[in-house]
């Protein structure tokens, strides 16, 4: 169930970013990065709970990368 919720949040985040990008804004939206990170966090939890450690670890790396982007955006 967490997989569906996590992936749904990731899709919502991408759709939100697409709408923002279509308005000629070239920067990533902070809301997009937060939603994306939340969705991936759920995927990480679900992966570890299901015993899929490789998939969960890859998602964890993606989460760390997105949180790093969030830190960089916030500092600007």
C-alpha atoms as a PDB file:
ATOM      1  CA  UNK A   1       0.000   0.000   0.000  1.00  0.00           C
ATOM      2  CA  UNK A   2       2.848   2.398   0.804  1.00  0.00           C
ATOM      3  CA  UNK A   3       4.193   1.836  -2.685  1.00  0.00           C
ATOM      4  CA  UNK A   4       0.973   3.095  -4.261  1.00  0.00           C
ATOM      5  CA  UNK A   5       0.818   6.111  -1.956  1.00  0.00           C
ATOM      6  CA  UNK A   6       4.515   6.901  -2.483  1.00  0.00           C
ATOM      7  CA  UNK A   7       4.327   6.612  -6.259  1.00  0.00           C
ATOM      8  CA  UNK A   8       1.125   8.674  -6.318  1.00  0.00           C
ATOM      9  CA  UNK A   9       2.861  11.467  -4.417  1.00  0.00           C
ATOM     10  CA  UNK A  10       5.830  11.320  -6.797  1.00  0.00           C
ATOM     11  CA  UNK A  11       3.481  11.578  -9.802  1.00  0.00           C
ATOM     12  CA  UNK A  12       1.624  14.517  -8.222  1.00  0.00           C
ATOM     13  CA  UNK A  13       4.958  16.226  -7.589  1.00  0.00           C
ATOM     14  CA  UNK A  14       6.014  15.793 -11.229  1.00  0.00           C
ATOM     15  CA  UNK A  15       2.677  17.084 -12.522  1.00  0.00           C
ATOM     16  CA  UNK A  16       2.979  20.098 -10.214  1.00  0.00           C
ATOM     17  CA  UNK A  17       6.507  20.777 -11.475  1.00  0.00           C
ATOM     18  CA  UNK A  18       5.322  20.447 -15.075  1.00  0.00           C
ATOM     19  CA  UNK A  19       2.609  23.066 -14.500  1.00  0.00           C
ATOM     20  CA  UNK A  20       5.162  25.400 -12.892  1.00  0.00           C
ATOM     21  CA  UNK A  21       7.594  24.822 -15.770  1.00  0.00           C
ATOM     22  CA  UNK A  22       4.928  25.541 -18.370  1.00  0.00           C
ATOM     23  CA  UNK A  23       4.548  28.981 -16.810  1.00  0.00           C
ATOM     24  CA  UNK A  24       8.112  29.689 -18.005  1.00  0.00           C
ATOM     25  CA  UNK A  25       9.729  29.285 -14.598  1.00  0.00           C
ATOM     26  CA  UNK A  26      13.050  27.553 -15.066  1.00  0.00           C
ATOM     27  CA  UNK A  27      13.790  26.794 -11.387  1.00  0.00           C
ATOM     28  CA  UNK A  28      12.667  23.758  -9.458  1.00  0.00           C
ATOM     29  CA  UNK A  29       9.789  24.435  -7.130  1.00  0.00           C
ATOM     30  CA  UNK A  30      10.437  23.815  -3.429  1.00  0.00           C
ATOM     31  CA  UNK A  31       6.970  22.252  -3.204  1.00  0.00           C
ATOM     32  CA  UNK A  32       7.944  19.782  -5.934  1.00  0.00           C
ATOM     33  CA  UNK A  33      11.108  18.721  -4.126  1.00  0.00           C
ATOM     34  CA  UNK A  34       9.247  18.307  -0.820  1.00  0.00           C
ATOM     35  CA  UNK A  35       6.456  16.245  -2.405  1.00  0.00           C
ATOM     36  CA  UNK A  36       8.949  14.144  -4.324  1.00  0.00           C
ATOM     37  CA  UNK A  37      10.999  13.515  -1.176  1.00  0.00           C
ATOM     38  CA  UNK A  38       7.902  12.512   0.776  1.00  0.00           C
ATOM     39  CA  UNK A  39       6.864  10.051  -1.918  1.00  0.00           C
ATOM     40  CA  UNK A  40      10.323   8.513  -2.119  1.00  0.00           C
ATOM     41  CA  UNK A  41      10.493   8.275   1.687  1.00  0.00           C
ATOM     42  CA  UNK A  42       7.372   6.106   1.595  1.00  0.00           C
ATOM     43  CA  UNK A  43       8.954   3.974  -1.123  1.00  0.00           C
ATOM     44  CA  UNK A  44      12.058   3.522   1.051  1.00  0.00           C
ATOM     45  CA  UNK A  45       9.978   2.393   4.044  1.00  0.00           C
ATOM     46  CA  UNK A  46       7.942   0.030   1.909  1.00  0.00           C
ATOM     47  CA  UNK A  47      11.038  -1.418   0.244  1.00  0.00           C
ATOM     48  CA  UNK A  48      12.712  -2.199   3.549  1.00  0.00           C
ATOM     49  CA  UNK A  49       9.459  -3.593   5.025  1.00  0.00           C
ATOM     50  CA  UNK A  50       9.032  -5.887   2.011  1.00  0.00           C
ATOM     51  CA  UNK A  51      12.623  -7.111   2.216  1.00  0.00           C
ATOM     52  CA  UNK A  52      13.620  -5.479  -1.065  1.00  0.00           C
ATOM     53  CA  UNK A  53      16.786  -3.923   0.304  1.00  0.00           C
ATOM     54  CA  UNK A  54      18.392  -3.189  -3.066  1.00  0.00           C
ATOM     55  CA  UNK A  55      15.353  -1.261  -4.291  1.00  0.00           C
ATOM     56  CA  UNK A  56      14.993   0.478  -0.936  1.00  0.00           C
ATOM     57  CA  UNK A  57      18.669   1.483  -0.974  1.00  0.00           C
ATOM     58  CA  UNK A  58      18.386   2.931  -4.481  1.00  0.00           C
ATOM     59  CA  UNK A  59      15.307   4.886  -3.391  1.00  0.00           C
ATOM     60  CA  UNK A  60      17.213   6.037  -0.296  1.00  0.00           C
ATOM     61  CA  UNK A  61      19.983   7.403  -2.522  1.00  0.00           C
ATOM     62  CA  UNK A  62      17.312   9.215  -4.558  1.00  0.00           C
ATOM     63  CA  UNK A  63      15.862  10.614  -1.326  1.00  0.00           C
ATOM     64  CA  UNK A  64      19.263  11.879  -0.172  1.00  0.00           C
ATOM     65  CA  UNK A  65      19.845  13.498  -3.555  1.00  0.00           C
ATOM     66  CA  UNK A  66      16.463  15.244  -3.501  1.00  0.00           C
ATOM     67  CA  UNK A  67      17.019  16.465   0.061  1.00  0.00           C
ATOM     68  CA  UNK A  68      20.413  17.825  -1.028  1.00  0.00           C
ATOM     69  CA  UNK A  69      18.678  19.730  -3.825  1.00  0.00           C
ATOM     70  CA  UNK A  70      16.187  21.075  -1.278  1.00  0.00           C
ATOM     71  CA  UNK A  71      19.048  22.352   0.901  1.00  0.00           C
ATOM     72  CA  UNK A  72      20.699  24.050  -2.077  1.00  0.00           C
ATOM     73  CA  UNK A  73      17.399  25.670  -3.162  1.00  0.00           C
ATOM     74  CA  UNK A  74      16.722  26.920   0.369  1.00  0.00           C
ATOM     75  CA  UNK A  75      20.198  28.482   0.629  1.00  0.00           C
ATOM     76  CA  UNK A  76      19.692  30.552  -2.542  1.00  0.00           C
END
